Amino acid sequence: MIKLLGDTRMELTKALDTILNHPGPMGKLGNNRCQRFSMYVSNCKIKTFNLAAADDDPAGDDRPEVSMAEKMLEDLAALGGRDEL
């Protein structure tokens, strides 16, 4: 089962230090946002975390595949039933 959750107060975004506040993207978006990432959580523990942003690409537009479903499927296969990668 997949759960998609909103972070309207940016509590998780701040806790994960994934705030997109670079002046380039923010000039178009207006207010702070969350950087593009994917995360697999099991039993309240982060098992995989994939951040698409980089120093030269704060919005993660150049390599979004890092946070897409195919990468998550690779990560899950690598877990192979274990708790950690």
C-alpha atoms as a PDB file:
ATOM      1  CA  MET A   1       0.000   0.000   0.000  1.00  0.00           C
ATOM      2  CA  ILE A   2       1.228   3.494  -0.826  1.00  0.00           C
ATOM      3  CA  LYS A   3       0.409   6.481   1.345  1.00  0.00           C
ATOM      4  CA  LEU A   4       0.853  10.025   0.129  1.00  0.00           C
ATOM      5  CA  LEU A   5       0.827  12.593   2.901  1.00  0.00           C
ATOM      6  CA  GLY A   6       0.703  16.386   2.877  1.00  0.00           C
ATOM      7  CA  ASP A   7       3.096  18.483   4.946  1.00  0.00           C
ATOM      8  CA  THR A   8       1.167  21.759   4.989  1.00  0.00           C
ATOM      9  CA  ARG A   9       3.113  23.203   7.938  1.00  0.00           C
ATOM     10  CA  MET A  10       6.465  21.946   6.594  1.00  0.00           C
ATOM     11  CA  GLU A  11       7.210  20.081   9.830  1.00  0.00           C
ATOM     12  CA  LEU A  12       8.604  16.992   8.093  1.00  0.00           C
ATOM     13  CA  THR A  13      10.302  19.105   5.437  1.00  0.00           C
ATOM     14  CA  LYS A  14      12.179  21.026   8.116  1.00  0.00           C
ATOM     15  CA  ALA A  15      12.997  17.884  10.117  1.00  0.00           C
ATOM     16  CA  LEU A  16      14.455  16.224   7.004  1.00  0.00           C
ATOM     17  CA  ASP A  17      16.252  19.447   6.005  1.00  0.00           C
ATOM     18  CA  THR A  18      14.703  19.335   2.529  1.00  0.00           C
ATOM     19  CA  ILE A  19      13.461  22.925   2.243  1.00  0.00           C
ATOM     20  CA  LEU A  20      13.624  24.277  -1.305  1.00  0.00           C
ATOM     21  CA  ASN A  21      14.424  27.919  -0.657  1.00  0.00           C
ATOM     22  CA  HIS A  22      16.979  28.643  -3.385  1.00  0.00           C
ATOM     23  CA  PRO A  23      16.296  32.046  -5.012  1.00  0.00           C
ATOM     24  CA  GLY A  24      16.222  30.578  -8.548  1.00  0.00           C
ATOM     25  CA  PRO A  25      13.254  28.213  -8.174  1.00  0.00           C
ATOM     26  CA  MET A  26      11.648  30.374  -5.498  1.00  0.00           C
ATOM     27  CA  GLY A  27      11.553  33.294  -7.936  1.00  0.00           C
ATOM     28  CA  LYS A  28       9.045  31.238  -9.920  1.00  0.00           C
ATOM     29  CA  LEU A  29       7.322  29.284  -7.128  1.00  0.00           C
ATOM     30  CA  GLY A  30       6.931  32.114  -4.638  1.00  0.00           C
ATOM     31  CA  ASN A  31       7.169  30.437  -1.251  1.00  0.00           C
ATOM     32  CA  ASN A  32       9.256  27.709   0.332  1.00  0.00           C
ATOM     33  CA  ARG A  33       8.575  24.181  -0.850  1.00  0.00           C
ATOM     34  CA  CYS A  34       9.917  20.730  -0.204  1.00  0.00           C
ATOM     35  CA  GLN A  35      12.718  19.413  -2.391  1.00  0.00           C
ATOM     36  CA  ARG A  36      11.931  16.428  -4.590  1.00  0.00           C
ATOM     37  CA  PHE A  37      12.648  13.145  -2.811  1.00  0.00           C
ATOM     38  CA  SER A  38      11.355   9.647  -2.211  1.00  0.00           C
ATOM     39  CA  MET A  39      11.492   7.750   1.018  1.00  0.00           C
ATOM     40  CA  TYR A  40      10.581   4.260   2.145  1.00  0.00           C
ATOM     41  CA  VAL A  41       9.572   4.023   5.793  1.00  0.00           C
ATOM     42  CA  SER A  42       8.887   0.774   7.619  1.00  0.00           C
ATOM     43  CA  ASN A  43       8.026   0.472  11.306  1.00  0.00           C
ATOM     44  CA  CYS A  44       8.696   4.212  11.765  1.00  0.00           C
ATOM     45  CA  LYS A  45      12.258   3.881  10.425  1.00  0.00           C
ATOM     46  CA  ILE A  46      13.543   5.397   7.200  1.00  0.00           C
ATOM     47  CA  LYS A  47      14.858   2.519   5.098  1.00  0.00           C
ATOM     48  CA  THR A  48      15.699   4.432   1.906  1.00  0.00           C
ATOM     49  CA  PHE A  49      15.933   8.142   1.150  1.00  0.00           C
ATOM     50  CA  ASN A  50      16.586   9.515  -2.346  1.00  0.00           C
ATOM     51  CA  LEU A  51      17.009  13.278  -2.780  1.00  0.00           C
ATOM     52  CA  ALA A  52      16.935  14.565  -6.363  1.00  0.00           C
ATOM     53  CA  ALA A  53      18.379  17.999  -5.519  1.00  0.00           C
ATOM     54  CA  ALA A  54      22.052  18.836  -5.922  1.00  0.00           C
ATOM     55  CA  ASP A  55      24.119  21.967  -5.305  1.00  0.00           C
ATOM     56  CA  ASP A  56      23.899  22.928  -8.985  1.00  0.00           C
ATOM     57  CA  ASP A  57      20.231  21.822  -9.261  1.00  0.00           C
ATOM     58  CA  PRO A  58      18.341  22.819  -6.087  1.00  0.00           C
ATOM     59  CA  ALA A  59      14.932  21.821  -7.491  1.00  0.00           C
ATOM     60  CA  GLY A  60      16.109  18.391  -8.669  1.00  0.00           C
ATOM     61  CA  ASP A  61      14.863  19.030 -12.207  1.00  0.00           C
ATOM     62  CA  ASP A  62      17.975  17.592 -13.907  1.00  0.00           C
ATOM     63  CA  ARG A  63      17.722  14.138 -12.332  1.00  0.00           C
ATOM     64  CA  PRO A  64      14.170  13.501 -11.132  1.00  0.00           C
ATOM     65  CA  GLU A  65      14.643   9.767 -11.748  1.00  0.00           C
ATOM     66  CA  VAL A  66      16.466   9.598  -8.395  1.00  0.00           C
ATOM     67  CA  SER A  67      13.122  10.006  -6.651  1.00  0.00           C
ATOM     68  CA  MET A  68      10.819   8.143  -9.046  1.00  0.00           C
ATOM     69  CA  ALA A  69       9.104   4.791  -8.710  1.00  0.00           C
ATOM     70  CA  GLU A  70      11.699   2.847 -10.694  1.00  0.00           C
ATOM     71  CA  LYS A  71      14.453   3.855  -8.266  1.00  0.00           C
ATOM     72  CA  MET A  72      12.289   2.940  -5.286  1.00  0.00           C
ATOM     73  CA  LEU A  73      11.626  -0.481  -6.816  1.00  0.00           C
ATOM     74  CA  GLU A  74      15.397  -0.954  -7.193  1.00  0.00           C
ATOM     75  CA  ASP A  75      15.885   0.026  -3.553  1.00  0.00           C
ATOM     76  CA  LEU A  76      13.196  -2.382  -2.395  1.00  0.00           C
ATOM     77  CA  ALA A  77      14.727  -5.195  -4.439  1.00  0.00           C
ATOM     78  CA  ALA A  78      18.124  -4.411  -2.890  1.00  0.00           C
ATOM     79  CA  LEU A  79      16.576  -4.688   0.574  1.00  0.00           C
ATOM     80  CA  GLY A  80      15.515  -8.220  -0.322  1.00  0.00           C
ATOM     81  CA  GLY A  81      13.482  -8.588   2.851  1.00  0.00           C
ATOM     82  CA  ARG A  82      16.288  -7.253   5.077  1.00  0.00           C
ATOM     83  CA  ASP A  83      15.793  -4.264   7.351  1.00  0.00           C
ATOM     84  CA  GLU A  84      18.570  -2.162   5.835  1.00  0.00           C
ATOM     85  CA  LEU A  85      20.200  -1.591   2.471  1.00  0.00           C
END
